[in-house]
Amino acid sequence: MLDKIAYDYVTEIKTRSANVAKIKYELAERVKKYSEEDKIKLRELIQKWLSEIKF
């Protein structure tokens, strides 16, 4: 599940007309209920996807 969240986040940010602040806010609201461990894993996955996806 965290993989999908991270991938979706990165693909949304990488679009040409992305409102990055809005996307970041929505992600923050979405993961508020997650544990700190899950948030750390999600950050790592986002970093992984940012480095792998080239548009």
C-alpha atoms as a PDB file:
ATOM      1  CA  MET A   1       0.000   0.000   0.000  1.00  0.00           C
ATOM      2  CA  LEU A   2       2.829   2.409   0.812  1.00  0.00           C
ATOM      3  CA  ASP A   3       4.385   1.586  -2.558  1.00  0.00           C
ATOM      4  CA  LYS A   4       1.264   2.721  -4.376  1.00  0.00           C
ATOM      5  CA  ILE A   5       0.983   5.915  -2.330  1.00  0.00           C
ATOM      6  CA  ALA A   6       4.619   6.795  -3.018  1.00  0.00           C
ATOM      7  CA  TYR A   7       4.366   6.002  -6.726  1.00  0.00           C
ATOM      8  CA  ASP A   8       1.152   7.990  -7.161  1.00  0.00           C
ATOM      9  CA  TYR A   9       2.656  10.945  -5.296  1.00  0.00           C
ATOM     10  CA  VAL A  10       5.773  11.001  -7.438  1.00  0.00           C
ATOM     11  CA  THR A  11       3.892  10.654 -10.721  1.00  0.00           C
ATOM     12  CA  GLU A  12       1.562  13.495  -9.758  1.00  0.00           C
ATOM     13  CA  ILE A  13       4.474  15.760  -8.856  1.00  0.00           C
ATOM     14  CA  LYS A  14       6.289  14.968 -12.106  1.00  0.00           C
ATOM     15  CA  THR A  15       3.395  16.133 -14.318  1.00  0.00           C
ATOM     16  CA  ARG A  16       4.007  19.372 -16.164  1.00  0.00           C
ATOM     17  CA  SER A  17       1.371  21.577 -14.500  1.00  0.00           C
ATOM     18  CA  ALA A  18       1.445  20.012 -11.042  1.00  0.00           C
ATOM     19  CA  ASN A  19       0.479  22.105  -8.041  1.00  0.00           C
ATOM     20  CA  VAL A  20       3.222  20.672  -5.825  1.00  0.00           C
ATOM     21  CA  ALA A  21       2.124  22.465  -2.647  1.00  0.00           C
ATOM     22  CA  LYS A  22      -1.409  21.087  -2.985  1.00  0.00           C
ATOM     23  CA  ILE A  23      -0.150  17.571  -3.684  1.00  0.00           C
ATOM     24  CA  LYS A  24       2.182  17.671  -0.666  1.00  0.00           C
ATOM     25  CA  TYR A  25      -0.642  18.927   1.561  1.00  0.00           C
ATOM     26  CA  GLU A  26      -2.982  16.184   0.384  1.00  0.00           C
ATOM     27  CA  LEU A  27      -0.329  13.546   1.056  1.00  0.00           C
ATOM     28  CA  ALA A  28       0.300  14.947   4.542  1.00  0.00           C
ATOM     29  CA  GLU A  29      -3.414  14.798   5.319  1.00  0.00           C
ATOM     30  CA  ARG A  30      -3.641  11.286   3.927  1.00  0.00           C
ATOM     31  CA  VAL A  31      -0.840   9.869   6.116  1.00  0.00           C
ATOM     32  CA  LYS A  32      -1.610  11.638   9.406  1.00  0.00           C
ATOM     33  CA  LYS A  33      -3.026   8.462  10.882  1.00  0.00           C
ATOM     34  CA  TYR A  34       0.007   6.358   9.930  1.00  0.00           C
ATOM     35  CA  SER A  35       2.639   5.349  12.462  1.00  0.00           C
ATOM     36  CA  GLU A  36       6.060   7.007  12.482  1.00  0.00           C
ATOM     37  CA  GLU A  37       7.614   3.814  11.099  1.00  0.00           C
ATOM     38  CA  ASP A  38       5.231   3.849   8.142  1.00  0.00           C
ATOM     39  CA  LYS A  39       5.956   7.522   7.507  1.00  0.00           C
ATOM     40  CA  ILE A  40       9.689   6.809   7.443  1.00  0.00           C
ATOM     41  CA  LYS A  41       9.158   3.912   5.020  1.00  0.00           C
ATOM     42  CA  LEU A  42       6.983   6.149   2.853  1.00  0.00           C
ATOM     43  CA  ARG A  43       9.680   8.850   2.747  1.00  0.00           C
ATOM     44  CA  GLU A  44      12.234   6.243   1.679  1.00  0.00           C
ATOM     45  CA  LEU A  45       9.933   4.933  -1.039  1.00  0.00           C
ATOM     46  CA  ILE A  46       9.285   8.444  -2.336  1.00  0.00           C
ATOM     47  CA  GLN A  47      13.021   9.084  -2.526  1.00  0.00           C
ATOM     48  CA  LYS A  48      13.445   5.798  -4.384  1.00  0.00           C
ATOM     49  CA  TRP A  49      10.721   6.631  -6.903  1.00  0.00           C
ATOM     50  CA  LEU A  50      12.005  10.189  -7.385  1.00  0.00           C
ATOM     51  CA  SER A  51      15.402   8.848  -8.326  1.00  0.00           C
ATOM     52  CA  GLU A  52      14.023   6.128 -10.633  1.00  0.00           C
ATOM     53  CA  ILE A  53      11.288   7.916 -12.554  1.00  0.00           C
ATOM     54  CA  LYS A  54      12.509  10.115 -15.371  1.00  0.00           C
ATOM     55  CA  PHE A  55      10.046  12.167 -17.399  1.00  0.00           C
END
